[in-house]
Amino acid sequence: MKSIRRCQHIITLFLSIFLVGMIVLVIKINREASFYMMNSDDRRLGMVYDRRGDVLFDGSGRGDYPDGHFTDVGNLIGDDKGQMENTLVAQNIDYLNNYSFSSGLVDKGGKAAIYTTLDHDANRAVYNAYMGAKGCACAYNYKTGELLVCTSLPSLDVTKGYDNVGSMESGTLMSKVMYRTVPGSTQKVSTVISALEIMGRERLFSKTYNCTGSFINSEGKPIDCHQSWGHGDQNIQQAIENSCNPYFAQLVQDSDMPLERIKSQYTKLGYAINGDDIKYFDIDGIQCERASTTLTDTGDFITQWGCIGQGDTLVSPMQLMMWQSAIANGTGKMTMPHIISKVTDVNGSVKKTADTDFSKQLFSPSTATTVRQILTTNGANNYGWQVPGYALGIKSGTAQVKEGAEENALLVGFVDDDAHPIAFCVVLENKFSTPVSAEQILTTMLDNLCA
């Protein structure tokens, strides 16, 4: 009897071990099967949609779309071909997996999908507004962080393949919104923020500097104004509206603007200073380059020129737009952008939804209020006829690129209307080579987003 019982115990033990092993195996297969299917030649991917359900990426490749349907967002959404890594599909491809262990491989019936915040109609309208010129534009809801427009030219229709990749224009396979560019005088917004944080509103507004068309700095080098005969005596409001370079050179050189305080405030804003690592921030897996500049001596040319928006200063259009949110929302904190509103799995169940997030404190609410007043006054005085129908807080910029051979036009700002809380950045490359203006592109964007 004892021998029989011992055998029963041993058999029970082996059966228990076998059962536990089978459970572990099933769990392991269930967890890892999706990975292996996603890396097989027989995978089936789901869809990417805009905010109204328009298709931005067709994982099955079976849809019938007009030529150019995907071009306006082609280098932001990307595809699964491995040619564009810093794109929404490439960085979130696991969300599009139309396979589950229980259901197997699902083709037409699979409901794996990414629903984005993008407005496809508005992106297409902005893309067309460039009239074949190059550049990029972005806009988002500065209260919620929903990215509405993110188009970059040149671009491509991913359904056409990559047979001609070697002959594609530079920049075709990347969204320029995410990469640094020369900001021109839009950089002066960062310098105004820094001045307010360092010396306060009353002292800054009490300062006037004279512009005769050129300013010789303490290093003996000229900082020229775009208006060769000068602007005369300027306060901060006039200097922003006239985009007066000599004013800002003198502001940076002022004894009330110590170098270490400027560096500290620029660092708070997110700049990599004096060769620091140019890190990235993440937007639903897409990497966006962080701003950078050189600040070594408030009296030297490179530092002053950098605070004006030339020299070594580089900022992505995305980050230029995000700073505007910290002004427009009155908090001094950026609203962090997101592209994905929700994700569904193969069965249609929601597995992820977006949250609204904010950055750390970049500057004080009082500074945000003052800069908002400066920019909205500029908008009211100078942009009512250029961008009709909208109350704007706005700053323009002209960026010299390619060693001065070309000039890019930039506009950054926000709509001063709680019903349409939109911040934006528009970049028009080589502005003298095209009949369209940055203001016309911005008008098209706002007409489509605010309708």
Protein backbone atom coordinates (compact mmCIF):
# COMPACT_ATOMS: atom_id res chain seq x y z
CA MET A 1 0.00 0.00 0.00
CA LYS A 2 2.80 2.42 0.89
CA SER A 3 4.45 1.73 -2.45
CA ILE A 4 1.19 2.44 -4.31
CA ARG A 5 0.67 5.68 -2.42
CA ARG A 6 4.25 6.75 -3.10
CA CYS A 7 3.68 6.15 -6.80
CA GLN A 8 0.44 8.14 -6.68
CA HIS A 9 2.27 11.08 -5.07
CA ILE A 10 5.01 10.94 -7.69
CA ILE A 11 2.49 10.78 -10.54
CA THR A 12 0.52 13.68 -9.02
CA LEU A 13 3.74 15.71 -8.70
CA PHE A 14 4.70 15.06 -12.32
CA LEU A 15 1.19 15.91 -13.51
CA SER A 16 1.29 19.15 -11.51
CA ILE A 17 4.68 20.07 -12.96
CA PHE A 18 3.41 19.23 -16.45
CA LEU A 19 0.26 21.32 -15.93
CA VAL A 20 2.24 24.30 -14.62
CA GLY A 21 4.64 23.95 -17.54
CA MET A 22 1.77 23.94 -20.02
CA ILE A 23 0.26 27.04 -18.42
CA VAL A 24 3.62 28.83 -18.60
CA LEU A 25 4.03 27.74 -22.23
CA VAL A 26 0.57 28.99 -23.19
CA ILE A 27 1.21 32.33 -21.48
CA LYS A 28 4.60 32.62 -23.18
CA ILE A 29 3.15 31.81 -26.61
CA ASN A 30 0.29 34.22 -26.04
CA ARG A 31 2.69 37.00 -25.14
CA GLU A 32 5.34 36.35 -27.76
CA ALA A 33 3.27 35.19 -30.73
CA SER A 34 2.42 38.76 -31.64
CA PHE A 35 6.10 39.68 -31.69
CA TYR A 36 6.97 36.85 -34.07
CA MET A 37 3.99 37.58 -36.31
CA MET A 38 4.98 41.27 -36.49
CA ASN A 39 8.42 40.22 -37.66
CA SER A 40 7.22 37.70 -40.21
CA ASP A 41 6.54 38.19 -43.91
CA ASP A 42 2.89 37.38 -43.34
CA ARG A 43 1.96 40.14 -40.93
CA ARG A 44 -1.22 42.18 -41.27
CA LEU A 45 -1.19 45.76 -40.09
CA GLY A 46 -4.09 47.93 -39.04
CA MET A 47 -5.00 51.47 -40.02
CA VAL A 48 -4.06 55.01 -39.01
CA TYR A 49 -6.89 57.57 -39.06
CA ASP A 50 -7.19 61.31 -38.68
CA ARG A 51 -9.49 62.92 -36.10
CA ARG A 52 -12.55 62.46 -38.37
CA GLY A 53 -11.83 58.93 -39.53
CA ASP A 54 -10.03 59.72 -42.80
CA VAL A 55 -7.31 57.17 -43.59
CA LEU A 56 -3.69 58.29 -43.11
CA PHE A 57 -2.13 54.82 -43.41
CA ASP A 58 -3.61 51.64 -44.81
CA GLY A 59 -1.79 48.68 -43.31
CA SER A 60 -3.46 46.14 -45.59
CA GLY A 61 -2.69 48.19 -48.69
CA ARG A 62 -6.03 47.28 -50.23
CA GLY A 63 -7.78 50.64 -50.12
CA ASP A 64 -8.45 52.71 -53.21
CA TYR A 65 -7.15 56.25 -52.72
CA PRO A 66 -6.64 59.12 -55.14
CA ASP A 67 -3.09 60.05 -56.12
CA GLY A 68 -1.41 62.14 -53.47
CA HIS A 69 -3.92 61.21 -50.75
CA PHE A 70 -1.12 60.66 -48.22
CA THR A 71 1.44 63.21 -49.46
CA ASP A 72 0.62 66.05 -47.07
CA VAL A 73 1.44 63.86 -44.04
CA GLY A 74 3.57 61.24 -45.78
CA ASN A 75 6.84 62.00 -44.01
CA LEU A 76 5.15 62.28 -40.59
CA ILE A 77 2.98 59.13 -40.70
CA GLY A 78 5.47 57.06 -42.71
CA ASP A 79 4.94 53.36 -43.41
CA ASP A 80 6.38 49.95 -42.52
CA LYS A 81 9.01 49.76 -45.30
CA GLY A 82 11.95 50.83 -43.11
CA GLN A 83 12.85 53.92 -45.14
CA MET A 84 11.56 56.44 -42.57
CA GLU A 85 12.34 55.56 -38.97
CA ASN A 86 11.34 58.77 -37.19
CA THR A 87 7.67 58.51 -38.12
CA LEU A 88 4.43 57.59 -36.37
CA VAL A 89 4.05 54.15 -37.97
CA ALA A 90 7.67 53.12 -37.53
CA GLN A 91 7.71 54.13 -33.86
CA ASN A 92 4.29 52.66 -33.02
CA ILE A 93 4.03 49.69 -35.35
CA ASP A 94 3.21 47.25 -32.53
CA TYR A 95 -0.09 49.07 -32.02
CA LEU A 96 -1.07 48.12 -35.58
CA ASN A 97 -0.65 44.39 -35.08
CA ASN A 98 -3.74 42.60 -36.41
CA TYR A 99 -2.88 39.32 -34.69
CA SER A 100 -3.80 37.78 -31.39
CA PHE A 101 -3.12 34.29 -30.07
CA SER A 102 -6.82 33.60 -29.59
CA SER A 103 -8.03 35.02 -32.91
CA GLY A 104 -5.05 34.20 -35.08
CA LEU A 105 -4.07 36.30 -38.11
CA VAL A 106 -6.82 38.76 -38.97
CA ASP A 107 -6.95 40.58 -42.29
CA LYS A 108 -9.99 42.63 -43.23
CA GLY A 109 -11.80 42.13 -39.94
CA GLY A 110 -8.91 43.22 -37.72
CA LYS A 111 -9.58 46.43 -35.82
CA ALA A 112 -6.07 47.32 -34.70
CA ALA A 113 -5.75 51.04 -35.36
CA ILE A 114 -4.17 54.32 -34.32
CA TYR A 115 -6.55 57.26 -34.18
CA THR A 116 -4.66 60.53 -34.45
CA THR A 117 -5.43 64.14 -33.55
CA LEU A 118 -4.51 65.34 -37.05
CA ASP A 119 -6.93 67.16 -39.36
CA HIS A 120 -6.22 65.68 -42.79
CA ASP A 121 -8.24 68.30 -44.68
CA ALA A 122 -6.36 71.13 -42.98
CA ASN A 123 -2.99 69.47 -43.63
CA ARG A 124 -3.85 69.01 -47.30
CA ALA A 125 -4.97 72.64 -47.60
CA VAL A 126 -1.75 73.90 -46.00
CA TYR A 127 0.36 71.62 -48.18
CA ASN A 128 -1.37 72.98 -51.29
CA ALA A 129 -1.00 76.56 -50.05
CA TYR A 130 2.77 76.27 -50.40
CA MET A 131 2.25 76.12 -54.19
CA GLY A 132 5.27 73.87 -54.67
CA ALA A 133 7.57 75.85 -52.37
CA LYS A 134 9.46 74.13 -49.55
CA GLY A 135 9.08 74.50 -45.82
CA CYS A 136 6.90 73.17 -43.04
CA ALA A 137 4.00 74.16 -40.80
CA CYS A 138 2.53 72.93 -37.54
CA ALA A 139 -0.39 73.87 -35.31
CA TYR A 140 -1.88 72.43 -32.16
CA ASN A 141 -4.47 73.03 -29.48
CA TYR A 142 -2.44 74.77 -26.77
CA LYS A 143 -4.95 73.71 -24.10
CA THR A 144 -5.14 69.98 -24.87
CA GLY A 145 -1.89 69.33 -26.77
CA GLU A 146 -3.67 67.80 -29.78
CA LEU A 147 -1.45 68.19 -32.86
CA LEU A 148 -3.69 69.32 -35.69
CA VAL A 149 -1.34 70.24 -38.54
CA CYS A 150 2.13 68.88 -39.20
CA THR A 151 3.09 69.08 -42.85
CA SER A 152 6.53 69.27 -44.40
CA LEU A 153 7.61 69.87 -48.00
CA PRO A 154 8.85 68.16 -50.06
CA SER A 155 7.00 64.99 -49.13
CA LEU A 156 5.83 61.77 -50.76
CA ASP A 157 2.85 59.49 -51.22
CA VAL A 158 4.02 56.31 -49.48
CA THR A 159 1.77 54.13 -51.65
CA LYS A 160 4.00 54.89 -54.65
CA GLY A 161 7.02 53.10 -53.18
CA TYR A 162 10.69 54.02 -53.14
CA ASP A 163 12.00 53.15 -56.58
CA ASN A 164 13.27 56.70 -56.97
CA VAL A 165 14.63 57.21 -53.46
CA GLY A 166 18.06 58.13 -54.83
CA SER A 167 16.63 61.03 -56.81
CA MET A 168 14.29 62.38 -54.11
CA GLU A 169 14.84 65.97 -53.00
CA SER A 170 16.64 66.50 -49.71
CA GLY A 171 14.22 66.43 -46.79
CA THR A 172 11.56 64.33 -48.52
CA LEU A 173 11.74 61.45 -46.04
CA MET A 174 11.66 63.56 -42.86
CA SER A 175 9.21 65.90 -41.18
CA LYS A 176 11.15 69.18 -40.94
CA VAL A 177 8.86 70.24 -38.11
CA MET A 178 10.89 67.96 -35.81
CA TYR A 179 14.35 69.19 -36.82
CA ARG A 180 16.25 72.34 -35.96
CA THR A 181 16.41 75.33 -38.27
CA VAL A 182 17.61 78.93 -38.05
CA PRO A 183 14.79 80.75 -36.19
CA GLY A 184 15.54 84.32 -37.31
CA SER A 185 13.78 87.00 -35.28
CA THR A 186 11.28 84.54 -33.79
CA GLN A 187 14.20 83.91 -31.41
CA LYS A 188 13.62 87.38 -29.94
CA VAL A 189 10.64 85.94 -28.05
CA SER A 190 13.06 83.82 -25.99
CA THR A 191 15.21 86.89 -25.36
CA VAL A 192 12.20 88.93 -24.20
CA ILE A 193 11.19 86.08 -21.87
CA SER A 194 14.72 86.00 -20.46
CA ALA A 195 14.84 89.78 -19.98
CA LEU A 196 11.52 89.76 -18.12
CA GLU A 197 12.63 86.91 -15.87
CA ILE A 198 15.94 88.65 -15.13
CA MET A 199 14.95 92.30 -14.66
CA GLY A 200 11.15 92.33 -14.43
CA ARG A 201 8.49 94.14 -16.41
CA GLU A 202 8.92 97.65 -15.01
CA ARG A 203 12.66 97.84 -15.60
CA LEU A 204 12.49 96.28 -19.06
CA PHE A 205 9.76 98.66 -20.23
CA SER A 206 11.71 101.63 -18.86
CA LYS A 207 14.68 100.91 -21.12
CA THR A 208 15.05 102.50 -24.54
CA TYR A 209 17.90 102.07 -27.01
CA ASN A 210 18.65 104.04 -30.12
CA CYS A 211 18.78 102.44 -33.56
CA THR A 212 20.62 104.32 -36.31
CA GLY A 213 20.62 101.36 -38.69
CA SER A 214 23.65 99.67 -37.14
CA PHE A 215 25.06 99.17 -33.65
CA ILE A 216 28.77 98.71 -32.95
CA ASN A 217 29.02 96.38 -29.97
CA SER A 218 31.68 96.32 -27.27
CA GLU A 219 33.71 93.93 -29.39
CA GLY A 220 33.77 96.53 -32.17
CA LYS A 221 31.56 94.51 -34.52
CA PRO A 222 28.38 95.81 -36.21
CA ILE A 223 24.89 94.46 -35.59
CA ASP A 224 22.93 95.73 -38.57
CA CYS A 225 19.23 96.54 -38.73
CA HIS A 226 17.06 95.47 -41.66
CA GLN A 227 16.05 99.15 -41.92
CA SER A 228 19.29 100.83 -42.96
CA TRP A 229 18.24 104.31 -41.80
CA GLY A 230 17.29 102.99 -38.38
CA HIS A 231 14.29 103.19 -36.08
CA GLY A 232 15.41 105.90 -33.63
CA ASP A 233 14.68 105.42 -29.93
CA GLN A 234 12.87 102.17 -29.23
CA ASN A 235 11.18 100.57 -26.23
CA ILE A 236 10.56 96.82 -26.00
CA GLN A 237 7.13 96.95 -27.67
CA GLN A 238 8.43 99.00 -30.60
CA ALA A 239 11.50 96.79 -30.92
CA ILE A 240 9.35 93.66 -31.23
CA GLU A 241 7.04 95.28 -33.76
CA ASN A 242 9.97 96.64 -35.80
CA SER A 243 12.07 93.52 -35.18
CA CYS A 244 14.99 95.84 -34.47
CA ASN A 245 18.33 94.01 -34.24
CA PRO A 246 20.34 96.91 -32.70
CA TYR A 247 17.80 97.19 -29.86
CA PHE A 248 18.21 93.54 -28.95
CA ALA A 249 22.01 93.65 -29.23
CA GLN A 250 22.03 96.54 -26.75
CA LEU A 251 19.55 94.75 -24.50
CA VAL A 252 21.77 91.66 -24.34
CA GLN A 253 24.83 93.85 -23.66
CA ASP A 254 23.03 95.80 -20.89
CA SER A 255 24.59 95.43 -17.42
CA ASP A 256 21.17 94.35 -16.11
CA MET A 257 21.44 91.19 -18.26
CA PRO A 258 24.27 89.12 -16.71
CA LEU A 259 25.50 86.26 -18.89
CA GLU A 260 24.93 83.59 -16.26
CA ARG A 261 21.31 84.67 -15.81
CA ILE A 262 20.73 84.55 -19.59
CA LYS A 263 22.29 81.09 -19.78
CA SER A 264 20.17 79.90 -16.87
CA GLN A 265 16.93 81.11 -18.45
CA TYR A 266 17.79 79.73 -21.88
CA THR A 267 18.54 76.39 -20.23
CA LYS A 268 15.12 76.47 -18.54
CA LEU A 269 13.54 77.03 -21.94
CA GLY A 270 15.25 73.86 -23.17
CA TYR A 271 18.29 75.10 -25.10
CA ALA A 272 21.48 73.10 -25.26
CA ILE A 273 24.11 75.74 -24.43
CA ASN A 274 27.70 75.98 -25.66
CA GLY A 275 28.05 72.51 -27.11
CA ASP A 276 25.94 70.58 -24.59
CA ASP A 277 24.38 67.38 -25.87
CA ILE A 278 21.53 68.17 -28.26
CA LYS A 279 19.02 65.75 -26.82
CA TYR A 280 15.51 65.06 -28.03
CA PHE A 281 12.04 65.19 -26.60
CA ASP A 282 9.48 62.58 -27.50
CA ILE A 283 6.11 62.99 -29.22
CA ASP A 284 4.43 59.57 -29.29
CA GLY A 285 7.75 57.93 -30.10
CA ILE A 286 8.83 60.52 -32.68
CA GLN A 287 12.02 62.33 -31.68
CA CYS A 288 12.09 66.11 -31.91
CA GLU A 289 15.41 67.93 -31.72
CA ARG A 290 16.04 70.31 -28.83
CA ALA A 291 17.11 73.93 -29.44
CA SER A 292 20.76 74.96 -29.18
CA THR A 293 22.79 78.16 -29.09
CA THR A 294 26.12 79.70 -28.05
CA LEU A 295 26.27 82.15 -25.12
CA THR A 296 29.82 83.08 -24.12
CA ASP A 297 29.97 86.85 -23.57
CA THR A 298 27.12 89.37 -23.67
CA GLY A 299 29.37 91.82 -25.50
CA ASP A 300 30.47 89.53 -28.32
CA PHE A 301 28.95 89.14 -31.76
CA ILE A 302 28.10 85.42 -31.61
CA THR A 303 26.16 85.73 -28.36
CA GLN A 304 24.24 88.82 -29.44
CA TRP A 305 23.57 87.44 -32.90
CA GLY A 306 22.42 84.16 -31.34
CA CYS A 307 19.92 85.96 -29.07
CA ILE A 308 18.59 87.71 -32.18
CA GLY A 309 18.12 84.40 -34.02
CA GLN A 310 21.14 83.93 -36.25
CA GLY A 311 24.68 82.77 -35.49
CA ASP A 312 24.73 79.36 -33.85
CA THR A 313 21.09 79.34 -32.76
CA LEU A 314 18.92 76.51 -34.09
CA VAL A 315 15.36 75.62 -33.02
CA SER A 316 12.80 73.17 -34.39
CA PRO A 317 9.45 74.60 -35.57
CA MET A 318 7.79 72.26 -33.08
CA GLN A 319 9.64 73.78 -30.14
CA LEU A 320 9.00 77.33 -31.39
CA MET A 321 5.29 76.48 -31.39
CA MET A 322 5.40 74.86 -27.96
CA TRP A 323 6.92 77.98 -26.34
CA GLN A 324 3.93 79.90 -27.67
CA SER A 325 1.62 77.61 -25.68
CA ALA A 326 3.38 78.57 -22.43
CA ILE A 327 2.65 82.20 -23.30
CA ALA A 328 -0.91 81.71 -24.56
CA ASN A 329 -2.09 79.55 -21.66
CA GLY A 330 -0.72 82.09 -19.18
CA THR A 331 1.13 79.55 -17.02
CA GLY A 332 4.71 79.59 -18.25
CA LYS A 333 4.40 75.84 -18.79
CA MET A 334 4.29 74.31 -22.28
CA THR A 335 1.40 72.07 -23.25
CA MET A 336 3.12 68.92 -24.49
CA PRO A 337 1.92 67.88 -27.96
CA HIS A 338 0.58 64.45 -28.82
CA ILE A 339 -0.47 62.86 -32.12
CA ILE A 340 -2.21 59.70 -30.92
CA SER A 341 -5.67 60.19 -29.42
CA LYS A 342 -6.41 56.49 -28.90
CA VAL A 343 -5.31 52.99 -29.94
CA THR A 344 -7.53 49.95 -30.50
CA ASP A 345 -6.44 46.31 -30.63
CA VAL A 346 -7.34 43.59 -33.11
CA ASN A 347 -10.74 43.16 -31.46
CA GLY A 348 -11.51 46.88 -31.39
CA SER A 349 -10.95 47.30 -27.66
CA VAL A 350 -9.36 50.60 -26.61
CA LYS A 351 -5.92 49.90 -25.15
CA LYS A 352 -4.53 53.46 -24.92
CA THR A 353 -5.96 56.98 -24.72
CA ALA A 354 -4.20 60.34 -24.68
CA ASP A 355 -3.69 62.56 -21.66
CA THR A 356 -2.87 66.26 -21.58
CA ASP A 357 0.58 66.84 -20.11
CA PHE A 358 2.57 69.96 -19.34
CA SER A 359 6.26 70.77 -19.11
CA LYS A 360 8.04 71.94 -15.99
CA GLN A 361 7.90 75.67 -15.20
CA LEU A 362 9.82 77.54 -17.92
CA PHE A 363 9.01 81.07 -16.76
CA SER A 364 6.60 82.83 -14.43
CA PRO A 365 2.89 83.42 -15.15
CA SER A 366 3.55 87.17 -14.93
CA THR A 367 6.14 86.88 -17.69
CA ALA A 368 3.65 84.85 -19.76
CA THR A 369 1.04 87.60 -19.33
CA THR A 370 3.47 90.36 -20.36
CA VAL A 371 4.79 88.53 -23.42
CA ARG A 372 1.22 87.74 -24.42
CA GLN A 373 0.39 91.45 -24.29
CA ILE A 374 3.46 92.32 -26.37
CA LEU A 375 2.65 89.73 -29.04
CA THR A 376 -1.08 90.46 -29.25
CA THR A 377 -0.34 94.19 -29.56
CA ASN A 378 1.99 93.35 -32.43
CA GLY A 379 -0.77 91.24 -33.97
CA ALA A 380 -3.38 93.99 -33.64
CA ASN A 381 -1.07 96.71 -35.00
CA ASN A 382 0.54 94.85 -37.89
CA TYR A 383 -1.29 91.65 -38.91
CA GLY A 384 -4.97 92.54 -39.17
CA TRP A 385 -4.70 92.95 -42.93
CA GLN A 386 -2.11 90.24 -43.50
CA VAL A 387 -4.01 87.48 -41.68
CA PRO A 388 -7.56 88.89 -41.75
CA GLY A 389 -10.26 87.72 -39.40
CA TYR A 390 -8.11 86.59 -36.48
CA ALA A 391 -6.86 88.16 -33.26
CA LEU A 392 -3.28 86.95 -33.07
CA GLY A 393 -0.31 87.02 -30.77
CA ILE A 394 2.50 86.79 -33.30
CA LYS A 395 6.16 87.30 -34.14
CA SER A 396 7.76 87.04 -37.56
CA GLY A 397 11.31 86.13 -38.42
CA THR A 398 13.65 86.23 -41.40
CA ALA A 399 16.38 83.61 -41.22
CA GLN A 400 19.49 83.87 -43.36
CA VAL A 401 20.60 80.39 -44.46
CA LYS A 402 23.14 78.87 -46.85
CA GLU A 403 25.70 81.54 -45.84
CA GLY A 404 23.23 84.32 -46.62
CA ALA A 405 22.37 83.10 -50.10
CA GLU A 406 18.74 82.45 -49.14
CA GLU A 407 16.24 83.78 -46.61
CA ASN A 408 13.50 81.78 -44.91
CA ALA A 409 10.34 83.42 -43.57
CA LEU A 410 8.94 82.28 -40.21
CA LEU A 411 5.79 83.06 -38.23
CA VAL A 412 5.14 81.89 -34.67
CA GLY A 413 2.22 82.71 -32.45
CA PHE A 414 -1.25 81.83 -31.27
CA VAL A 415 -4.89 82.69 -31.87
CA ASP A 416 -6.11 84.96 -29.07
CA ASP A 417 -9.53 83.33 -28.89
CA ASP A 418 -10.65 80.79 -26.27
CA ALA A 419 -12.93 79.18 -28.85
CA HIS A 420 -9.92 78.42 -31.05
CA PRO A 421 -6.89 77.84 -28.78
CA ILE A 422 -4.37 77.28 -31.57
CA ALA A 423 -0.61 77.85 -31.44
CA PHE A 424 1.36 77.63 -34.68
CA CYS A 425 4.64 77.88 -36.54
CA VAL A 426 5.06 78.38 -40.28
CA VAL A 427 8.38 78.15 -42.15
CA LEU A 428 8.63 79.18 -45.80
CA GLU A 429 12.02 78.39 -47.29
CA ASN A 430 13.76 80.69 -49.78
CA LYS A 431 10.92 83.18 -49.57
CA PHE A 432 11.95 85.22 -52.61
CA SER A 433 11.69 82.19 -54.91
CA THR A 434 7.90 81.83 -54.58
CA PRO A 435 4.87 84.12 -54.96
CA VAL A 436 3.26 82.78 -51.78
CA SER A 437 3.93 84.35 -48.37
CA ALA A 438 4.09 82.85 -44.89
CA GLU A 439 1.08 85.00 -43.95
CA GLN A 440 -0.98 83.48 -46.78
CA ILE A 441 -0.05 79.97 -45.64
CA LEU A 442 -1.01 80.84 -42.06
CA THR A 443 -4.34 82.28 -43.23
CA THR A 444 -5.12 79.06 -45.09
CA MET A 445 -4.22 77.04 -41.99
CA LEU A 446 -6.45 79.07 -39.67
CA ASP A 447 -9.33 79.22 -42.15
CA ASN A 448 -9.38 75.41 -42.18
CA LEU A 449 -8.92 74.91 -38.44
CA CYS A 450 -11.28 77.63 -37.22
CA ALA A 451 -14.14 77.15 -39.70
